[in-house]
C-alpha atoms as a PDB file:
ATOM      1  CA  MET A   1       0.403 -11.095  -5.734  1.00  0.00           C
ATOM      2  CA  PHE A   2       1.639  -7.626  -6.489  1.00  0.00           C
ATOM      3  CA  THR A   3       4.974  -5.691  -7.215  1.00  0.00           C
ATOM      4  CA  GLY A   4       4.509  -2.578  -5.138  1.00  0.00           C
ATOM      5  CA  ILE A   5       4.811  -0.513  -8.399  1.00  0.00           C
ATOM      6  CA  ILE A   6       1.709   1.881  -8.526  1.00  0.00           C
ATOM      7  CA  LYS A   7      -0.232   2.040 -11.744  1.00  0.00           C
ATOM      8  CA  ASP A   8      -2.891   4.547 -10.790  1.00  0.00           C
ATOM      9  CA  VAL A   9      -4.134   6.836  -7.960  1.00  0.00           C
ATOM     10  CA  GLY A  10      -7.730   6.292  -7.424  1.00  0.00           C
ATOM     11  CA  GLU A  11     -10.296   8.405  -5.574  1.00  0.00           C
ATOM     12  CA  ILE A  12     -12.878   7.024  -3.314  1.00  0.00           C
ATOM     13  CA  LEU A  13     -16.327   8.061  -4.621  1.00  0.00           C
ATOM     14  CA  SER A  14     -18.403   6.602  -1.762  1.00  0.00           C
ATOM     15  CA  ILE A  15     -18.202   4.451   1.220  1.00  0.00           C
ATOM     16  CA  LYS A  16     -21.255   2.701   2.564  1.00  0.00           C
ATOM     17  CA  SER A  17     -21.531   1.851   6.325  1.00  0.00           C
ATOM     18  CA  GLY A  18     -22.381  -1.725   7.503  1.00  0.00           C
ATOM     19  CA  ASN A  19     -20.542  -3.954   5.166  1.00  0.00           C
ATOM     20  CA  LYS A  20     -18.277  -0.986   4.201  1.00  0.00           C
ATOM     21  CA  THR A  21     -18.539  -1.126   0.439  1.00  0.00           C
ATOM     22  CA  MET A  22     -16.187   1.245  -1.240  1.00  0.00           C
ATOM     23  CA  LYS A  23     -16.587   2.641  -4.701  1.00  0.00           C
ATOM     24  CA  VAL A  24     -13.222   3.844  -6.436  1.00  0.00           C
ATOM     25  CA  VAL A  25     -12.840   5.835  -9.636  1.00  0.00           C
ATOM     26  CA  THR A  26      -9.812   4.761 -11.603  1.00  0.00           C
ATOM     27  CA  SER A  27      -8.025   5.330 -14.976  1.00  0.00           C
ATOM     28  CA  PHE A  28      -7.934   1.490 -15.273  1.00  0.00           C
ATOM     29  CA  ASP A  29     -10.259   0.347 -18.269  1.00  0.00           C
ATOM     30  CA  TYR A  30     -13.226  -1.285 -16.497  1.00  0.00           C
ATOM     31  CA  LYS A  31     -13.447  -3.824 -19.218  1.00  0.00           C
ATOM     32  CA  ARG A  32      -9.973  -5.093 -18.179  1.00  0.00           C
ATOM     33  CA  ILE A  33     -11.034  -5.430 -14.627  1.00  0.00           C
ATOM     34  CA  ASP A  34     -12.471  -8.903 -13.739  1.00  0.00           C
ATOM     35  CA  ILE A  35     -15.152  -9.361 -11.056  1.00  0.00           C
ATOM     36  CA  GLY A  36     -13.560 -11.458  -8.229  1.00  0.00           C
ATOM     37  CA  SER A  37     -10.003 -10.165  -9.175  1.00  0.00           C
ATOM     38  CA  SER A  38      -7.751  -8.440  -6.682  1.00  0.00           C
ATOM     39  CA  ILE A  39      -6.731  -4.887  -6.655  1.00  0.00           C
ATOM     40  CA  CYS A  40      -4.236  -3.546  -4.136  1.00  0.00           C
ATOM     41  CA  CYS A  41      -5.598  -0.422  -2.523  1.00  0.00           C
ATOM     42  CA  SER A  42      -2.959   1.636  -0.735  1.00  0.00           C
ATOM     43  CA  GLY A  43      -1.292  -1.753   0.218  1.00  0.00           C
ATOM     44  CA  ILE A  44      -4.417  -3.729   0.918  1.00  0.00           C
ATOM     45  CA  CYS A  45      -5.432  -6.685  -1.241  1.00  0.00           C
ATOM     46  CA  LEU A  46      -9.176  -6.234  -1.953  1.00  0.00           C
ATOM     47  CA  THR A  47     -11.582  -8.059  -4.139  1.00  0.00           C
ATOM     48  CA  VAL A  48     -13.462  -6.471  -6.794  1.00  0.00           C
ATOM     49  CA  THR A  49     -17.314  -7.020  -6.311  1.00  0.00           C
ATOM     50  CA  GLN A  50     -18.761  -4.608  -9.088  1.00  0.00           C
ATOM     51  CA  LYS A  51     -17.318  -2.468 -11.899  1.00  0.00           C
ATOM     52  CA  GLY A  52     -18.603   0.023 -14.367  1.00  0.00           C
ATOM     53  CA  LYS A  53     -18.471   3.392 -15.968  1.00  0.00           C
ATOM     54  CA  ASN A  54     -19.898   6.751 -14.814  1.00  0.00           C
ATOM     55  CA  ASP A  55     -19.589   9.466 -17.593  1.00  0.00           C
ATOM     56  CA  ASP A  56     -15.882   9.062 -18.802  1.00  0.00           C
ATOM     57  CA  ASN A  57     -14.618   7.411 -15.579  1.00  0.00           C
ATOM     58  CA  SER A  58     -14.174   3.740 -14.842  1.00  0.00           C
ATOM     59  CA  TYR A  59     -14.866   2.564 -11.323  1.00  0.00           C
ATOM     60  CA  PHE A  60     -14.840  -0.605  -9.265  1.00  0.00           C
ATOM     61  CA  CYS A  61     -16.340  -1.542  -5.873  1.00  0.00           C
ATOM     62  CA  VAL A  62     -14.828  -3.514  -3.003  1.00  0.00           C
ATOM     63  CA  ASP A  63     -16.068  -4.679   0.304  1.00  0.00           C
ATOM     64  CA  ILE A  64     -13.919  -4.109   3.438  1.00  0.00           C
ATOM     65  CA  SER A  65     -14.210  -6.522   6.204  1.00  0.00           C
ATOM     66  CA  ASP A  66     -14.115  -5.634   9.951  1.00  0.00           C
ATOM     67  CA  GLU A  67     -10.839  -7.608  10.335  1.00  0.00           C
ATOM     68  CA  THR A  68      -9.246  -5.428   7.558  1.00  0.00           C
ATOM     69  CA  LEU A  69     -10.584  -2.177   9.207  1.00  0.00           C
ATOM     70  CA  SER A  70      -9.105  -3.167  12.452  1.00  0.00           C
ATOM     71  CA  LYS A  71      -5.642  -3.777  11.031  1.00  0.00           C
ATOM     72  CA  THR A  72      -5.237  -1.134   8.290  1.00  0.00           C
ATOM     73  CA  SER A  73      -5.630   2.657   7.705  1.00  0.00           C
ATOM     74  CA  ALA A  74      -8.836   1.835   5.747  1.00  0.00           C
ATOM     75  CA  GLU A  75     -10.750   2.592   8.975  1.00  0.00           C
ATOM     76  CA  TYR A  76      -9.815   6.337   8.350  1.00  0.00           C
ATOM     77  CA  TRP A  77     -10.600   6.458   4.744  1.00  0.00           C
ATOM     78  CA  ILE A  78     -13.305   8.967   3.693  1.00  0.00           C
ATOM     79  CA  LYS A  79     -15.097  10.105   0.457  1.00  0.00           C
ATOM     80  CA  GLY A  80     -12.687  11.919  -1.821  1.00  0.00           C
ATOM     81  CA  GLU A  81      -9.646  10.208  -0.398  1.00  0.00           C
ATOM     82  CA  LEU A  82      -6.827   9.272  -2.878  1.00  0.00           C
ATOM     83  CA  ILE A  83      -5.449   5.759  -2.699  1.00  0.00           C
ATOM     84  CA  ASN A  84      -2.634   4.039  -4.596  1.00  0.00           C
ATOM     85  CA  LEU A  85      -3.769   1.320  -6.978  1.00  0.00           C
ATOM     86  CA  GLU A  86      -2.161  -1.761  -8.461  1.00  0.00           C
ATOM     87  CA  LYS A  87      -3.862  -4.694 -10.270  1.00  0.00           C
ATOM     88  CA  SER A  88      -2.596  -8.118  -9.429  1.00  0.00           C
ATOM     89  CA  LEU A  89       0.238  -9.760 -11.284  1.00  0.00           C
ATOM     90  CA  ARG A  90      -0.273 -12.051 -14.333  1.00  0.00           C
ATOM     91  CA  PHE A  91       2.116 -14.710 -15.249  1.00  0.00           C
ATOM     92  CA  GLY A  92       4.806 -13.062 -17.489  1.00  0.00           C
ATOM     93  CA  ASP A  93       4.410  -9.622 -16.041  1.00  0.00           C
ATOM     94  CA  GLU A  94       7.647  -7.806 -15.105  1.00  0.00           C
ATOM     95  CA  VAL A  95       8.337  -7.660 -11.375  1.00  0.00           C
ATOM     96  CA  GLY A  96       9.683  -4.137 -10.957  1.00  0.00           C
ATOM     97  CA  GLY A  97       9.585  -3.804  -7.257  1.00  0.00           C
ATOM     98  CA  HIS A  98       9.386  -6.840  -4.880  1.00  0.00           C
ATOM     99  CA  LEU A  99       6.786  -9.493  -4.323  1.00  0.00           C
ATOM    100  CA  VAL A 100       3.935  -8.021  -2.331  1.00  0.00           C
ATOM    101  CA  THR A 101       0.939 -10.019  -0.937  1.00  0.00           C
ATOM    102  CA  GLY A 102      -1.308  -7.086   0.024  1.00  0.00           C
ATOM    103  CA  HIS A 103      -1.673  -8.534   3.532  1.00  0.00           C
ATOM    104  CA  ILE A 104      -0.851  -5.706   5.961  1.00  0.00           C
ATOM    105  CA  ASP A 105       1.269  -6.466   8.864  1.00  0.00           C
ATOM    106  CA  PHE A 106       0.977  -3.284  10.902  1.00  0.00           C
ATOM    107  CA  ILE A 107       0.138   0.400  10.760  1.00  0.00           C
ATOM    108  CA  SER A 108       3.274   2.583  11.063  1.00  0.00           C
ATOM    109  CA  LYS A 109       3.420   6.399  11.347  1.00  0.00           C
ATOM    110  CA  ILE A 110       5.400   9.121   9.719  1.00  0.00           C
ATOM    111  CA  VAL A 111       7.439  10.948  12.382  1.00  0.00           C
ATOM    112  CA  SER A 112       9.689  13.238  10.217  1.00  0.00           C
ATOM    113  CA  ILE A 113       9.991  14.320   6.576  1.00  0.00           C
ATOM    114  CA  GLN A 114      13.292  15.879   5.489  1.00  0.00           C
ATOM    115  CA  LYS A 115      12.941  17.509   2.087  1.00  0.00           C
ATOM    116  CA  ASP A 116      15.658  17.594  -0.439  1.00  0.00           C
ATOM    117  CA  LYS A 117      15.710  18.507  -4.129  1.00  0.00           C
ATOM    118  CA  ASN A 118      16.576  14.944  -5.196  1.00  0.00           C
ATOM    119  CA  SER A 119      14.450  12.982  -2.675  1.00  0.00           C
ATOM    120  CA  ASN A 120      12.690  13.326   0.588  1.00  0.00           C
ATOM    121  CA  VAL A 121      13.958  11.256   3.579  1.00  0.00           C
ATOM    122  CA  ILE A 122      10.901   9.854   5.424  1.00  0.00           C
ATOM    123  CA  THR A 123      11.440   8.518   8.977  1.00  0.00           C
ATOM    124  CA  ILE A 124       8.814   5.893   9.925  1.00  0.00           C
ATOM    125  CA  GLN A 125       7.942   4.667  13.450  1.00  0.00           C
ATOM    126  CA  TYR A 126       6.722   1.044  13.824  1.00  0.00           C
ATOM    127  CA  PRO A 127       5.877  -1.540  16.470  1.00  0.00           C
ATOM    128  CA  ASN A 128       9.011  -2.814  17.984  1.00  0.00           C
ATOM    129  CA  GLU A 129       8.047  -6.523  17.604  1.00  0.00           C
ATOM    130  CA  TYR A 130       8.576  -6.271  13.818  1.00  0.00           C
ATOM    131  CA  LYS A 131      12.154  -5.191  14.128  1.00  0.00           C
ATOM    132  CA  LYS A 132      13.531  -8.562  13.074  1.00  0.00           C
ATOM    133  CA  PHE A 133      11.820  -8.231   9.665  1.00  0.00           C
ATOM    134  CA  ILE A 134      13.255  -4.797   8.888  1.00  0.00           C
ATOM    135  CA  ALA A 135      16.810  -4.429   7.754  1.00  0.00           C
ATOM    136  CA  ASN A 136      19.039  -1.751   6.024  1.00  0.00           C
ATOM    137  CA  LYS A 137      18.727  -1.996   2.269  1.00  0.00           C
ATOM    138  CA  GLY A 138      15.882  -4.483   2.652  1.00  0.00           C
ATOM    139  CA  SER A 139      12.486  -4.142   1.004  1.00  0.00           C
ATOM    140  CA  ILE A 140       9.348  -2.720   2.582  1.00  0.00           C
ATOM    141  CA  CYS A 141       5.933  -1.937   1.217  1.00  0.00           C
ATOM    142  CA  LEU A 142       4.300   1.317   2.453  1.00  0.00           C
ATOM    143  CA  ASP A 143       0.810   2.195   1.315  1.00  0.00           C
ATOM    144  CA  GLY A 144       1.185  -0.274  -1.599  1.00  0.00           C
ATOM    145  CA  ILE A 145       4.685   1.222  -2.710  1.00  0.00           C
ATOM    146  CA  SER A 146       7.807  -0.972  -2.910  1.00  0.00           C
ATOM    147  CA  LEU A 147      10.650   0.885  -1.183  1.00  0.00           C
ATOM    148  CA  THR A 148      14.119   0.208   0.018  1.00  0.00           C
ATOM    149  CA  VAL A 149      14.930   0.711   3.785  1.00  0.00           C
ATOM    150  CA  ASN A 150      17.764   3.215   4.194  1.00  0.00           C
ATOM    151  CA  GLU A 151      18.473   2.916   7.868  1.00  0.00           C
ATOM    152  CA  VAL A 152      17.000   1.196  10.868  1.00  0.00           C
ATOM    153  CA  PHE A 153      17.234   2.652  14.364  1.00  0.00           C
ATOM    154  CA  GLU A 154      15.471   1.839  17.599  1.00  0.00           C
ATOM    155  CA  ASN A 155      11.677   1.304  16.500  1.00  0.00           C
ATOM    156  CA  LYS A 156      12.205   3.538  13.385  1.00  0.00           C
ATOM    157  CA  PHE A 157      13.460   3.254   9.873  1.00  0.00           C
ATOM    158  CA  SER A 158      13.876   5.658   6.966  1.00  0.00           C
ATOM    159  CA  VAL A 159      13.216   5.567   3.334  1.00  0.00           C
ATOM    160  CA  ASN A 160      13.871   7.769   0.321  1.00  0.00           C
ATOM    161  CA  ILE A 161      10.961   9.000  -1.884  1.00  0.00           C
ATOM    162  CA  ILE A 162      12.256  10.275  -5.145  1.00  0.00           C
ATOM    163  CA  PRO A 163      10.306  12.974  -7.143  1.00  0.00           C
ATOM    164  CA  HIS A 164       8.823  10.484  -9.621  1.00  0.00           C
ATOM    165  CA  THR A 165       7.306   8.444  -6.780  1.00  0.00           C
ATOM    166  CA  GLU A 166       6.139  11.453  -4.857  1.00  0.00           C
ATOM    167  CA  ASN A 167       4.411  12.986  -8.038  1.00  0.00           C
ATOM    168  CA  ASN A 168       2.754   9.711  -9.159  1.00  0.00           C
ATOM    169  CA  THR A 169       1.461   8.393  -5.764  1.00  0.00           C
ATOM    170  CA  THR A 170      -0.340   9.601  -2.647  1.00  0.00           C
ATOM    171  CA  TRP A 171       3.058  10.418  -1.197  1.00  0.00           C
ATOM    172  CA  LYS A 172       2.736  14.020  -2.557  1.00  0.00           C
ATOM    173  CA  ASN A 173      -0.030  14.601   0.264  1.00  0.00           C
ATOM    174  CA  MET A 174       1.881  12.730   3.130  1.00  0.00           C
ATOM    175  CA  LYS A 175       2.452  14.632   6.309  1.00  0.00           C
ATOM    176  CA  VAL A 176       4.052  13.929   9.609  1.00  0.00           C
ATOM    177  CA  GLY A 177       1.632  11.836  11.732  1.00  0.00           C
ATOM    178  CA  ASN A 178      -0.010  10.123   8.663  1.00  0.00           C
ATOM    179  CA  LYS A 179      -0.677   6.425   9.367  1.00  0.00           C
ATOM    180  CA  ILE A 180       0.898   4.013   6.731  1.00  0.00           C
ATOM    181  CA  ASN A 181      -0.214   0.447   5.711  1.00  0.00           C
ATOM    182  CA  THR A 182       3.014  -1.615   6.102  1.00  0.00           C
ATOM    183  CA  GLU A 183       3.841  -4.938   4.741  1.00  0.00           C
ATOM    184  CA  VAL A 184       7.239  -6.518   5.573  1.00  0.00           C
ATOM    185  CA  ASP A 185       9.283  -8.349   2.946  1.00  0.00           C
ATOM    186  CA  ILE A 186       7.778 -11.794   2.488  1.00  0.00           C
ATOM    187  CA  PHE A 187      11.277 -13.504   2.250  1.00  0.00           C
ATOM    188  CA  SER A 188      12.366 -11.983   5.582  1.00  0.00           C
ATOM    189  CA  ARG A 189       9.284 -13.485   7.139  1.00  0.00           C
ATOM    190  CA  TYR A 190      10.059 -16.977   5.890  1.00  0.00           C
ATOM    191  CA  VAL A 191      13.801 -16.750   6.850  1.00  0.00           C
ATOM    192  CA  SER A 192      12.795 -15.552  10.353  1.00  0.00           C
ATOM    193  CA  ARG A 193      10.332 -18.525  10.665  1.00  0.00           C
ATOM    194  CA  GLN A 194      12.995 -20.963   9.540  1.00  0.00           C
ATOM    195  CA  LEU A 195      15.501 -19.533  12.051  1.00  0.00           C
ATOM    196  CA  GLU A 196      12.971 -19.798  14.861  1.00  0.00           C
ATOM    197  CA  GLU A 197      12.138 -23.465  14.069  1.00  0.00           C
ATOM    198  CA  SER A 198      15.861 -24.562  13.575  1.00  0.00           C
END
């Protein structure tokens, strides 16, 4: 489980084909990364299979399954790509965003970016069948970042990206047309299930 509060922006050092093993450089201390633990990589919960240090840089490795590739933007990741990183929650940690599982529901797409000095308004297009899970002022996780939905209209919604978030995540490089790993609020999912079964 994660909070959607990004702790580091890592860089993909290499991607091996076949089982799709990915090596990521990080500012996390490799001694504090456990083999078998989970790290949220731009919204995707992945299991650490190796770790170590090259020169002054810590790194970890993860394997990406075909299922994950088919459902997420990881299919398009390349060497040198920057990804948002968050280690899994430990009991007693502060939950600063909202509870995030790291299980991607769908890929959405940026359709407009309205720049402002205080924040950027990003409009996101998403599959219409997920409309029941997205509400004004509700929570949404985009590429691993916990955000609040501003407005919902048709098959789109908007969020605000403040300068701190933009400067400390991959959002500083986002452009119209970028594909975004999207996870709906876990509580909206359970409420919807209860309503369907009642």
